[in-house]
């Protein structure tokens, strides 16, 4: 098992987890009107987390490519 295999597994887990979390927040947003702002904020934070996580992995790939 190499570093690339571990990285790909973690990226896949992040993508799947963020996707499920976003869908969960959207479903709860439709059903709970009192907590709509809370789930809207959670969905926004999930998207922000996904963007930051993908950016970190892209920066890692660029650094490894540059110094290899």
C-alpha atoms as a PDB file:
ATOM      1  CA  UNK A   1       0.000   0.000   0.000  1.00  0.00           C
ATOM      2  CA  UNK A   2       1.476   3.322  -1.047  1.00  0.00           C
ATOM      3  CA  UNK A   3       0.870   6.906  -0.058  1.00  0.00           C
ATOM      4  CA  UNK A   4      -1.171   7.431  -3.236  1.00  0.00           C
ATOM      5  CA  UNK A   5      -3.513   4.561  -2.350  1.00  0.00           C
ATOM      6  CA  UNK A   6      -4.110   5.997   1.108  1.00  0.00           C
ATOM      7  CA  UNK A   7      -4.645   9.484  -0.332  1.00  0.00           C
ATOM      8  CA  UNK A   8      -7.167   8.193  -2.873  1.00  0.00           C
ATOM      9  CA  UNK A   9      -9.064   6.328  -0.162  1.00  0.00           C
ATOM     10  CA  UNK A  10      -9.235   9.408   2.058  1.00  0.00           C
ATOM     11  CA  UNK A  11     -10.340  11.599  -0.844  1.00  0.00           C
ATOM     12  CA  UNK A  12     -13.085   9.111  -1.696  1.00  0.00           C
ATOM     13  CA  UNK A  13     -14.271   9.055   1.934  1.00  0.00           C
ATOM     14  CA  UNK A  14     -14.325  12.858   2.065  1.00  0.00           C
ATOM     15  CA  UNK A  15     -16.305  13.093  -1.180  1.00  0.00           C
ATOM     16  CA  UNK A  16     -18.853  10.474  -0.150  1.00  0.00           C
ATOM     17  CA  UNK A  17     -19.183  11.844   3.377  1.00  0.00           C
ATOM     18  CA  UNK A  18     -19.635  15.431   2.223  1.00  0.00           C
ATOM     19  CA  UNK A  19     -22.170  14.320  -0.369  1.00  0.00           C
ATOM     20  CA  UNK A  20     -24.227  12.372   2.155  1.00  0.00           C
ATOM     21  CA  UNK A  21     -24.028  15.202   4.681  1.00  0.00           C
ATOM     22  CA  UNK A  22     -25.212  17.738   2.100  1.00  0.00           C
ATOM     23  CA  UNK A  23     -28.125  15.525   1.017  1.00  0.00           C
ATOM     24  CA  UNK A  24     -29.052  14.922   4.666  1.00  0.00           C
ATOM     25  CA  UNK A  25     -29.080  18.667   5.372  1.00  0.00           C
ATOM     26  CA  UNK A  26     -31.228  19.332   2.309  1.00  0.00           C
ATOM     27  CA  UNK A  27     -33.736  16.637   3.316  1.00  0.00           C
ATOM     28  CA  UNK A  28     -33.914  17.989   6.860  1.00  0.00           C
ATOM     29  CA  UNK A  29     -34.224  21.519   5.479  1.00  0.00           C
ATOM     30  CA  UNK A  30     -37.391  20.499   3.637  1.00  0.00           C
ATOM     31  CA  UNK A  31     -38.966  18.810   6.662  1.00  0.00           C
ATOM     32  CA  UNK A  32     -38.040  21.078   9.592  1.00  0.00           C
ATOM     33  CA  UNK A  33     -39.213  24.641   9.082  1.00  0.00           C
ATOM     34  CA  UNK A  34     -38.213  25.844  12.562  1.00  0.00           C
ATOM     35  CA  UNK A  35     -34.641  24.687  12.078  1.00  0.00           C
ATOM     36  CA  UNK A  36     -34.292  25.805   8.459  1.00  0.00           C
ATOM     37  CA  UNK A  37     -31.576  28.364   9.136  1.00  0.00           C
ATOM     38  CA  UNK A  38     -29.585  25.836  11.147  1.00  0.00           C
ATOM     39  CA  UNK A  39     -29.615  23.227   8.354  1.00  0.00           C
ATOM     40  CA  UNK A  40     -28.938  25.855   5.699  1.00  0.00           C
ATOM     41  CA  UNK A  41     -25.826  26.893   7.637  1.00  0.00           C
ATOM     42  CA  UNK A  42     -24.767  23.263   8.062  1.00  0.00           C
ATOM     43  CA  UNK A  43     -25.153  22.650   4.329  1.00  0.00           C
ATOM     44  CA  UNK A  44     -23.092  25.763   3.571  1.00  0.00           C
ATOM     45  CA  UNK A  45     -20.387  24.634   5.999  1.00  0.00           C
ATOM     46  CA  UNK A  46     -20.344  21.190   4.373  1.00  0.00           C
ATOM     47  CA  UNK A  47     -19.753  22.723   0.953  1.00  0.00           C
ATOM     48  CA  UNK A  48     -17.035  24.954   2.399  1.00  0.00           C
ATOM     49  CA  UNK A  49     -15.371  21.939   4.053  1.00  0.00           C
ATOM     50  CA  UNK A  50     -15.462  20.032   0.760  1.00  0.00           C
ATOM     51  CA  UNK A  51     -13.850  22.918  -1.139  1.00  0.00           C
ATOM     52  CA  UNK A  52     -11.089  23.290   1.445  1.00  0.00           C
ATOM     53  CA  UNK A  53     -10.447  19.529   1.591  1.00  0.00           C
ATOM     54  CA  UNK A  54     -10.182  19.253  -2.193  1.00  0.00           C
ATOM     55  CA  UNK A  55      -7.868  22.262  -2.279  1.00  0.00           C
ATOM     56  CA  UNK A  56      -5.554  20.708   0.297  1.00  0.00           C
ATOM     57  CA  UNK A  57      -5.254  17.490  -1.721  1.00  0.00           C
ATOM     58  CA  UNK A  58      -4.592  19.432  -4.923  1.00  0.00           C
ATOM     59  CA  UNK A  59      -1.854  21.442  -3.219  1.00  0.00           C
ATOM     60  CA  UNK A  60      -0.345  18.187  -1.915  1.00  0.00           C
ATOM     61  CA  UNK A  61      -0.314  16.757  -5.441  1.00  0.00           C
ATOM     62  CA  UNK A  62       1.312  19.900  -6.831  1.00  0.00           C
ATOM     63  CA  UNK A  63       4.031  19.843  -4.155  1.00  0.00           C
ATOM     64  CA  UNK A  64       4.727  16.146  -4.684  1.00  0.00           C
ATOM     65  CA  UNK A  65       4.904  16.647  -8.464  1.00  0.00           C
ATOM     66  CA  UNK A  66       7.199  19.644  -8.130  1.00  0.00           C
ATOM     67  CA  UNK A  67       9.664  18.047  -5.711  1.00  0.00           C
ATOM     68  CA  UNK A  68       9.678  14.533  -7.186  1.00  0.00           C
END
